[in-house]
Amino acid sequence: MLIVGGGLVGASLAIALHDSGLDVAQVEAAAGALPPVFDQRNLSFADATVNALTALGVLGKLHAPAPPIRRIHVSRQGDFGRVVLEARDYGRDAFGQVVVARDFGQALEARLAELPRLMRYRPARFLGIEDGDAHGRRVRIVDDTGEHALSARLLVGADGSGSAVRDALGIDARRHDYGQVLFVARLRAARAPDGSAWERFGAHGPTALLPRGDGHFGLVHGVDAADADAVAALDDDGFLERLQQAFGWRAGRFIAVGPRSRYPAIALRATALTAARAVLVGNAAQTLHPIGAQGFNLGLRDALTLAEAIDAHRDDPGSAGVLAEYARRRAEDHARTFAFSDGLARITSDPSSALGPLRSLGLFAIDRAPWLQAMLVGGAMGYRGDVPRLCRAPA
């Protein structure tokens, strides 16, 4: 089988398949150097994700500490009420952990290097699909030595939101632009992180702080797309002042910010997850607004579910049965996670004055209703829909 994409989900899938006995190849754009996705962004790993990556032998290869998220604090600028979730109230030490994407990329690379059966084409680029037959796909790639045709009983598109595999398969994707740009940086505050993750909503997007292991916070700050260039032009003092106004003083005074990167907030859903002897995983199948930090967690569950379906049909990993099982098992998780992320992004950024009292009432209700909190916590920890086996318990 052939995995196109060497990012977070594609690499995780290759690792999950290492005991399958199958010949697995991966097409990666980067050679030696980590792909751009492995930058200074901060990844919030749900509890289910921590379980799975521990079992896959990845988390043990992290160089930096992965601090726990023990508390989640949610509020909205201009609305009353807030929600505070404590892991100890659910018999847990933490809801998850925070990992810097670059450190995670290095851990994945170290684990991939231990897989003798994995064939890696890098740097290489997917060119398209040739006519195949009922038994496999013919895929064209190009690398330093020229163009090649590869045969695979299953083609996996793990090549991100702009998936060339998805386009080559003729699978459409519905997109929604939230009109927001997200600035990502490392932030230092007067108070050191204490295990709290903060989500402060506003009319132009969220401002989120995640505890990092180096004593800083991982920052995501959403702004109106029309204001993004002006915000990018701010010096550090001006940017910190803007952050303080948007977030408030719950984490103390903001005193320093590192280099900033920016990303548009765009959601995407493929109209199908599978085609004949082909499947989409991760952002190629569904890209979420980063609100709630669900993206990679959802993509990892894609990879693990596909690996389980293949394990049950090792004689033919691209059979109609494997593809049908994958699509069936992922349907509920995809629908519910997308609805949560999209709905939260829309309702919290809607400037309508009529929604303010309703949002405040919702925050009060969640903060005082254990059963509502339990539903929210279960989804945030990755226990939604048909949960893959490796996610369910620590190794």
Protein backbone atom coordinates (compact mmCIF):
# COMPACT_ATOMS: atom_id res chain seq x y z
CA MET A 1 0.00 0.00 0.00
CA LEU A 2 1.09 3.58 -0.65
CA ILE A 3 0.69 6.56 1.69
CA VAL A 4 0.98 9.96 0.02
CA GLY A 5 1.95 12.52 2.66
CA GLY A 6 4.65 12.66 5.31
CA GLY A 7 2.94 14.94 7.81
CA LEU A 8 1.52 14.19 11.23
CA VAL A 9 -1.24 11.78 10.19
CA GLY A 10 0.60 10.08 7.33
CA ALA A 11 3.60 9.36 9.56
CA SER A 12 1.36 8.09 12.36
CA LEU A 13 -0.41 5.75 9.95
CA ALA A 14 2.89 4.32 8.72
CA ILE A 15 3.88 3.60 12.32
CA ALA A 16 0.51 2.06 13.13
CA LEU A 17 0.94 -0.36 10.20
CA HIS A 18 4.46 -1.49 11.05
CA ASP A 19 3.34 -4.84 12.54
CA SER A 20 0.84 -5.60 9.79
CA GLY A 21 3.28 -7.59 7.67
CA LEU A 22 2.31 -5.51 4.63
CA ASP A 23 4.68 -3.75 2.28
CA VAL A 24 4.08 -0.08 2.98
CA ALA A 25 5.57 2.84 1.03
CA GLN A 26 5.34 6.54 1.73
CA VAL A 27 5.73 9.51 -0.62
CA GLU A 28 7.08 12.56 1.21
CA ALA A 29 7.83 16.02 -0.09
CA ALA A 30 10.64 16.66 2.41
CA ALA A 31 13.99 14.92 2.52
CA GLY A 32 15.78 14.86 5.84
CA ALA A 33 14.40 18.25 6.91
CA LEU A 34 11.03 18.18 8.59
CA PRO A 35 7.98 19.29 6.56
CA PRO A 36 6.72 22.86 7.18
CA VAL A 37 3.86 21.49 9.29
CA PHE A 38 6.42 20.65 11.99
CA ASP A 39 6.86 24.24 13.14
CA GLN A 40 6.48 26.01 16.46
CA ARG A 41 2.74 25.43 16.65
CA ASN A 42 1.54 23.81 19.83
CA LEU A 43 -0.48 20.62 19.59
CA SER A 44 -3.06 19.80 22.22
CA PHE A 45 -3.15 16.01 22.46
CA ALA A 46 -6.41 14.62 23.82
CA ASP A 47 -6.19 11.83 26.39
CA ALA A 48 -7.10 9.27 23.73
CA THR A 49 -4.29 10.58 21.53
CA VAL A 50 -1.78 10.35 24.39
CA ASN A 51 -2.79 6.71 24.92
CA ALA A 52 -2.36 5.83 21.26
CA LEU A 53 0.95 7.62 20.68
CA THR A 54 2.35 6.06 23.84
CA ALA A 55 1.39 2.61 22.57
CA LEU A 56 2.95 3.38 19.18
CA GLY A 57 6.27 4.23 20.82
CA VAL A 58 6.26 7.89 19.75
CA LEU A 59 5.76 9.93 22.92
CA GLY A 60 8.72 8.28 24.60
CA LYS A 61 10.95 9.87 21.95
CA LEU A 62 9.99 13.48 22.74
CA HIS A 63 12.95 15.61 23.79
CA ALA A 64 10.96 18.28 25.62
CA PRO A 65 8.46 17.74 28.43
CA ALA A 66 4.81 17.49 27.43
CA PRO A 67 2.95 19.31 30.21
CA PRO A 68 -0.50 18.09 31.21
CA ILE A 69 -3.72 20.03 30.72
CA ARG A 70 -5.40 19.74 34.12
CA ARG A 71 -7.89 22.56 33.76
CA ILE A 72 -9.83 24.14 30.88
CA HIS A 73 -11.19 27.68 31.26
CA VAL A 74 -13.63 28.97 28.62
CA SER A 75 -15.15 32.45 28.38
CA ARG A 76 -16.19 35.06 25.81
CA GLN A 77 -15.35 38.73 25.67
CA GLY A 78 -18.48 40.80 26.30
CA ASP A 79 -20.60 37.90 27.60
CA PHE A 80 -21.26 36.85 31.17
CA GLY A 81 -20.38 33.46 32.59
CA ARG A 82 -17.55 31.03 32.04
CA VAL A 83 -16.93 27.30 32.10
CA VAL A 84 -14.16 25.75 34.18
CA LEU A 85 -13.44 22.04 33.76
CA GLU A 86 -11.16 20.24 36.22
CA ALA A 87 -9.65 16.87 35.29
CA ARG A 88 -9.68 15.73 38.92
CA ASP A 89 -13.48 16.02 38.93
CA TYR A 90 -13.50 13.16 36.40
CA GLY A 91 -10.97 10.99 38.19
CA ARG A 92 -8.21 12.03 35.77
CA ASP A 93 -4.83 13.56 36.29
CA ALA A 94 -5.18 15.46 33.02
CA PHE A 95 -7.40 15.96 29.98
CA GLY A 96 -4.38 15.63 27.69
CA GLN A 97 -0.93 17.05 27.02
CA VAL A 98 0.67 19.87 25.03
CA VAL A 99 3.47 19.14 22.55
CA VAL A 100 5.39 21.53 20.29
CA ALA A 101 4.83 20.39 16.70
CA ARG A 102 8.54 20.41 15.80
CA ASP A 103 9.43 18.21 18.76
CA PHE A 104 6.62 15.85 17.83
CA GLY A 105 7.87 15.76 14.24
CA GLN A 106 11.33 14.76 15.44
CA ALA A 107 9.81 12.02 17.60
CA LEU A 108 7.84 10.69 14.64
CA GLU A 109 10.96 10.75 12.47
CA ALA A 110 12.92 8.82 15.10
CA ARG A 111 10.18 6.19 15.26
CA LEU A 112 9.88 5.93 11.47
CA ALA A 113 13.62 5.31 11.25
CA GLU A 114 13.08 2.13 13.28
CA LEU A 115 10.70 0.58 10.72
CA PRO A 116 12.77 -1.61 8.37
CA ARG A 117 9.85 -2.57 6.13
CA LEU A 118 8.80 1.00 5.35
CA MET A 119 9.87 2.23 1.90
CA ARG A 120 10.21 6.03 1.86
CA TYR A 121 10.27 8.03 -1.37
CA ARG A 122 11.67 11.47 -0.47
CA PRO A 123 11.88 14.07 -1.68
CA ALA A 124 9.13 12.99 -4.03
CA ARG A 125 5.90 14.39 -5.37
CA PHE A 126 2.62 12.74 -6.31
CA LEU A 127 1.79 13.41 -9.97
CA GLY A 128 -1.42 11.52 -10.57
CA ILE A 129 -3.18 8.21 -11.03
CA GLU A 130 -2.97 6.00 -14.10
CA ASP A 131 -5.53 3.46 -15.20
CA GLY A 132 -5.43 0.51 -12.83
CA ASP A 133 -7.49 -2.62 -12.46
CA ALA A 134 -9.68 -4.28 -9.86
CA HIS A 135 -6.62 -5.34 -7.88
CA GLY A 136 -4.77 -2.06 -7.44
CA ARG A 137 -3.97 1.53 -8.31
CA ARG A 138 -1.17 2.75 -10.58
CA VAL A 139 0.31 5.95 -9.16
CA ARG A 140 2.80 8.30 -10.79
CA ILE A 141 5.39 10.10 -8.68
CA VAL A 142 8.53 12.08 -9.42
CA ASP A 143 11.75 12.23 -7.43
CA ASP A 144 15.37 13.20 -8.05
CA THR A 145 15.81 10.33 -10.50
CA GLY A 146 12.73 11.12 -12.60
CA GLU A 147 9.18 9.87 -12.92
CA HIS A 148 8.08 6.46 -11.65
CA ALA A 149 4.89 4.40 -11.69
CA LEU A 150 4.04 2.51 -8.50
CA SER A 151 1.40 -0.14 -8.00
CA ALA A 152 -0.54 -0.30 -4.75
CA ARG A 153 -3.49 -2.33 -3.56
CA LEU A 154 -4.48 0.69 -1.46
CA LEU A 155 -3.70 4.38 -2.04
CA VAL A 156 -3.94 6.60 1.04
CA GLY A 157 -4.30 10.35 0.64
CA ALA A 158 -2.73 11.91 3.73
CA ASP A 159 -1.51 15.00 1.91
CA GLY A 160 -3.39 17.75 3.72
CA SER A 161 -6.17 20.21 3.00
CA GLY A 162 -5.03 20.87 -0.57
CA SER A 163 -4.86 17.14 -1.27
CA ALA A 164 -3.66 16.29 -4.77
CA VAL A 165 -4.78 12.71 -4.18
CA ARG A 166 -8.32 13.87 -3.44
CA ASP A 167 -8.35 15.93 -6.62
CA ALA A 168 -6.96 13.06 -8.70
CA LEU A 169 -9.69 10.77 -7.37
CA GLY A 170 -12.34 13.27 -8.42
CA ILE A 171 -13.63 13.71 -4.87
CA ASP A 172 -15.07 17.15 -4.26
CA ALA A 173 -14.60 19.11 -1.04
CA ARG A 174 -16.87 21.70 0.54
CA ARG A 175 -14.97 24.66 1.96
CA HIS A 176 -15.91 27.40 4.37
CA ASP A 177 -13.75 30.48 4.99
CA TYR A 178 -14.40 31.89 8.46
CA GLY A 179 -12.89 35.23 7.49
CA GLN A 180 -10.32 34.92 10.27
CA VAL A 181 -6.54 34.74 10.40
CA LEU A 182 -4.87 32.96 13.30
CA PHE A 183 -1.56 34.18 14.69
CA VAL A 184 0.54 31.53 16.42
CA ALA A 185 3.47 32.29 18.72
CA ARG A 186 5.19 31.52 21.99
CA LEU A 187 4.08 33.84 24.80
CA ARG A 188 5.56 34.61 28.21
CA ALA A 189 3.37 35.93 31.00
CA ALA A 190 4.09 37.18 34.50
CA ARG A 191 2.53 33.97 35.83
CA ALA A 192 4.03 30.66 34.78
CA PRO A 193 1.66 28.05 33.29
CA ASP A 194 -0.06 25.96 35.97
CA GLY A 195 -1.70 23.28 33.82
CA SER A 196 -4.57 25.53 32.72
CA ALA A 197 -5.63 25.82 29.08
CA TRP A 198 -7.48 29.05 28.34
CA GLU A 199 -9.95 29.70 25.51
CA ARG A 200 -11.21 33.28 25.27
CA PHE A 201 -13.66 33.85 22.44
CA GLY A 202 -14.20 37.15 20.68
CA ALA A 203 -16.01 38.67 17.74
CA HIS A 204 -13.07 38.00 15.40
CA GLY A 205 -11.98 34.58 16.62
CA PRO A 206 -10.51 32.87 19.67
CA THR A 207 -7.51 33.72 21.78
CA ALA A 208 -6.16 30.52 23.30
CA LEU A 209 -3.28 29.83 25.66
CA LEU A 210 -1.81 26.36 26.14
CA PRO A 211 0.75 25.49 28.84
CA ARG A 212 4.16 24.63 27.42
CA GLY A 213 6.93 22.72 29.11
CA ASP A 214 9.41 25.59 28.78
CA GLY A 215 7.49 27.93 31.09
CA HIS A 216 5.83 29.79 28.22
CA PHE A 217 2.35 29.60 26.76
CA GLY A 218 1.49 28.48 23.26
CA LEU A 219 -0.65 31.25 21.79
CA VAL A 220 -3.33 31.26 19.10
CA HIS A 221 -4.89 34.67 18.45
CA GLY A 222 -7.70 35.07 15.91
CA VAL A 223 -8.29 38.35 14.07
CA ASP A 224 -10.58 39.50 11.29
CA ALA A 225 -8.96 38.68 7.95
CA ALA A 226 -9.28 42.32 6.91
CA ASP A 227 -7.14 43.35 9.89
CA ALA A 228 -4.49 40.64 9.56
CA ASP A 229 -1.87 42.71 7.72
CA ALA A 230 -2.18 45.54 10.24
CA VAL A 231 -1.83 43.11 13.15
CA ALA A 232 1.17 41.45 11.52
CA ALA A 233 2.82 44.88 11.22
CA LEU A 234 2.55 45.57 14.96
CA ASP A 235 5.77 45.51 16.94
CA ASP A 236 5.94 43.18 19.94
CA ASP A 237 4.70 45.78 22.40
CA GLY A 238 1.75 46.65 20.20
CA PHE A 239 0.90 42.99 19.68
CA LEU A 240 1.08 42.28 23.43
CA GLU A 241 -1.21 45.21 24.13
CA ARG A 242 -3.73 43.88 21.63
CA LEU A 243 -3.55 40.42 23.22
CA GLN A 244 -4.06 41.79 26.71
CA GLN A 245 -7.17 43.66 25.60
CA ALA A 246 -8.58 40.59 23.87
CA PHE A 247 -7.75 38.07 26.60
CA GLY A 248 -7.84 40.02 29.86
CA TRP A 249 -5.70 39.40 32.93
CA ARG A 250 -6.61 35.83 33.88
CA ALA A 251 -3.08 34.60 33.15
CA GLY A 252 -1.41 37.76 34.40
CA ARG A 253 0.44 40.41 32.42
CA PHE A 254 1.84 39.39 29.04
CA ILE A 255 5.50 40.37 28.92
CA ALA A 256 7.11 38.82 25.82
CA VAL A 257 6.14 37.19 22.54
CA GLY A 258 8.22 35.18 20.09
CA PRO A 259 8.14 35.14 16.28
CA ARG A 260 4.59 35.02 14.90
CA SER A 261 3.25 32.90 12.08
CA ARG A 262 -0.21 33.22 10.55
CA TYR A 263 -2.77 30.84 9.05
CA PRO A 264 -6.21 31.37 7.52
CA ALA A 265 -9.11 29.72 9.35
CA ILE A 266 -10.75 27.52 6.72
CA ALA A 267 -12.85 24.40 7.16
CA LEU A 268 -13.10 21.63 4.57
CA ARG A 269 -15.07 18.40 4.25
CA ALA A 270 -14.55 15.88 1.47
CA THR A 271 -17.81 14.64 -0.03
CA ALA A 272 -16.53 11.05 0.23
CA LEU A 273 -13.85 9.32 2.28
CA THR A 274 -13.15 6.50 -0.16
CA ALA A 275 -12.93 5.61 -3.83
CA ALA A 276 -11.99 2.35 -5.51
CA ARG A 277 -8.83 1.17 -3.71
CA ALA A 278 -8.24 4.63 -2.24
CA VAL A 279 -8.98 6.37 1.04
CA LEU A 280 -8.56 9.83 2.55
CA VAL A 281 -7.33 10.48 6.10
CA GLY A 282 -6.61 13.56 8.22
CA ASN A 283 -6.92 17.02 6.69
CA ALA A 284 -7.37 15.54 3.22
CA ALA A 285 -10.70 14.19 4.45
CA GLN A 286 -11.70 16.92 6.86
CA THR A 287 -10.03 20.14 7.98
CA LEU A 288 -11.40 21.86 11.07
CA HIS A 289 -11.30 25.35 12.49
CA PRO A 290 -8.62 25.03 15.20
CA ILE A 291 -11.05 26.13 17.89
CA GLY A 292 -11.15 23.35 20.49
CA ALA A 293 -7.89 21.86 19.16
CA GLN A 294 -9.53 18.84 17.54
CA GLY A 295 -7.74 18.63 14.16
CA PHE A 296 -4.81 16.27 14.66
CA ASN A 297 -6.68 14.26 17.28
CA LEU A 298 -9.41 13.56 14.72
CA GLY A 299 -6.87 12.73 12.00
CA LEU A 300 -5.02 10.30 14.25
CA ARG A 301 -8.27 8.46 14.91
CA ASP A 302 -8.67 8.23 11.12
CA ALA A 303 -5.25 6.61 10.83
CA LEU A 304 -5.79 4.18 13.70
CA THR A 305 -9.24 3.15 12.50
CA LEU A 306 -7.88 2.48 9.01
CA ALA A 307 -5.02 0.44 10.48
CA GLU A 308 -7.51 -1.66 12.46
CA ALA A 309 -9.69 -2.27 9.39
CA ILE A 310 -6.63 -3.30 7.39
CA ASP A 311 -5.44 -5.59 10.19
CA ALA A 312 -8.70 -7.51 9.93
CA HIS A 313 -8.25 -7.95 6.14
CA ARG A 314 -4.49 -8.29 5.64
CA ASP A 315 -4.99 -10.43 2.56
CA ASP A 316 -6.29 -7.38 0.68
CA PRO A 317 -5.90 -3.99 2.43
CA GLY A 318 -7.69 -2.13 -0.36
CA SER A 319 -10.77 -4.33 -0.59
CA ALA A 320 -14.26 -2.92 -0.65
CA GLY A 321 -14.81 -4.41 2.80
CA VAL A 322 -11.91 -2.47 4.33
CA LEU A 323 -13.03 0.79 2.74
CA ALA A 324 -16.66 0.30 3.79
CA GLU A 325 -15.66 -0.49 7.37
CA TYR A 326 -13.43 2.58 7.54
CA ALA A 327 -16.13 4.90 6.19
CA ARG A 328 -18.79 3.44 8.51
CA ARG A 329 -16.65 3.67 11.63
CA ARG A 330 -15.50 7.24 10.94
CA ALA A 331 -18.91 8.69 10.08
CA GLU A 332 -20.12 9.55 13.60
CA ASP A 333 -16.81 10.94 14.85
CA HIS A 334 -16.39 13.10 11.75
CA ALA A 335 -19.94 14.45 11.87
CA ARG A 336 -19.97 15.21 15.59
CA THR A 337 -16.48 16.68 15.75
CA PHE A 338 -17.07 18.88 12.71
CA ALA A 339 -20.42 20.05 14.07
CA PHE A 340 -18.83 20.91 17.41
CA SER A 341 -15.89 22.80 15.89
CA ASP A 342 -17.88 24.61 13.21
CA GLY A 343 -20.79 25.47 15.49
CA LEU A 344 -18.50 26.80 18.21
CA ALA A 345 -16.54 28.92 15.73
CA ARG A 346 -19.68 30.43 14.25
CA ILE A 347 -21.69 31.13 17.38
CA THR A 348 -18.81 32.54 19.42
CA SER A 349 -17.74 34.97 16.69
CA ASP A 350 -21.24 36.14 15.72
CA PRO A 351 -21.43 39.86 16.67
CA SER A 352 -25.25 39.89 16.92
CA SER A 353 -26.30 41.49 20.19
CA ALA A 354 -29.23 39.09 20.39
CA LEU A 355 -26.86 36.14 20.76
CA GLY A 356 -25.03 37.58 23.76
CA PRO A 357 -27.64 36.60 26.37
CA LEU A 358 -28.01 33.15 24.79
CA ARG A 359 -24.25 32.55 24.87
CA SER A 360 -24.09 33.72 28.48
CA LEU A 361 -26.96 31.42 29.39
CA GLY A 362 -25.18 28.55 27.66
CA LEU A 363 -21.97 29.17 29.60
CA PHE A 364 -23.88 29.31 32.88
CA ALA A 365 -25.75 26.10 32.02
CA ILE A 366 -22.63 24.13 31.13
CA ASP A 367 -20.80 25.36 34.23
CA ARG A 368 -23.62 24.13 36.45
CA ALA A 369 -24.79 20.97 34.69
CA PRO A 370 -22.51 17.95 35.28
CA TRP A 371 -24.10 15.95 32.47
CA LEU A 372 -23.41 18.73 29.94
CA GLN A 373 -19.84 18.98 31.19
CA ALA A 374 -19.40 15.22 30.90
CA MET A 375 -20.47 15.31 27.23
CA LEU A 376 -18.06 18.16 26.54
CA VAL A 377 -15.20 16.49 28.39
CA GLY A 378 -15.69 13.13 26.66
CA GLY A 379 -15.43 14.71 23.23
CA ALA A 380 -12.48 16.92 24.20
CA MET A 381 -10.59 13.86 25.45
CA GLY A 382 -11.13 12.03 22.15
CA TYR A 383 -13.79 9.56 23.25
CA ARG A 384 -16.38 10.25 20.58
CA GLY A 385 -17.98 7.75 18.23
CA ASP A 386 -16.25 4.44 17.43
CA VAL A 387 -12.98 4.86 19.33
CA PRO A 388 -9.91 2.97 17.99
CA ARG A 389 -8.48 0.31 20.30
CA LEU A 390 -5.14 2.02 20.97
CA CYS A 391 -6.93 5.17 22.14
CA ARG A 392 -8.86 3.47 24.90
CA ALA A 393 -6.24 2.77 27.53
CA PRO A 394 -2.56 3.50 28.20
CA ALA A 395 -0.06 0.97 26.93
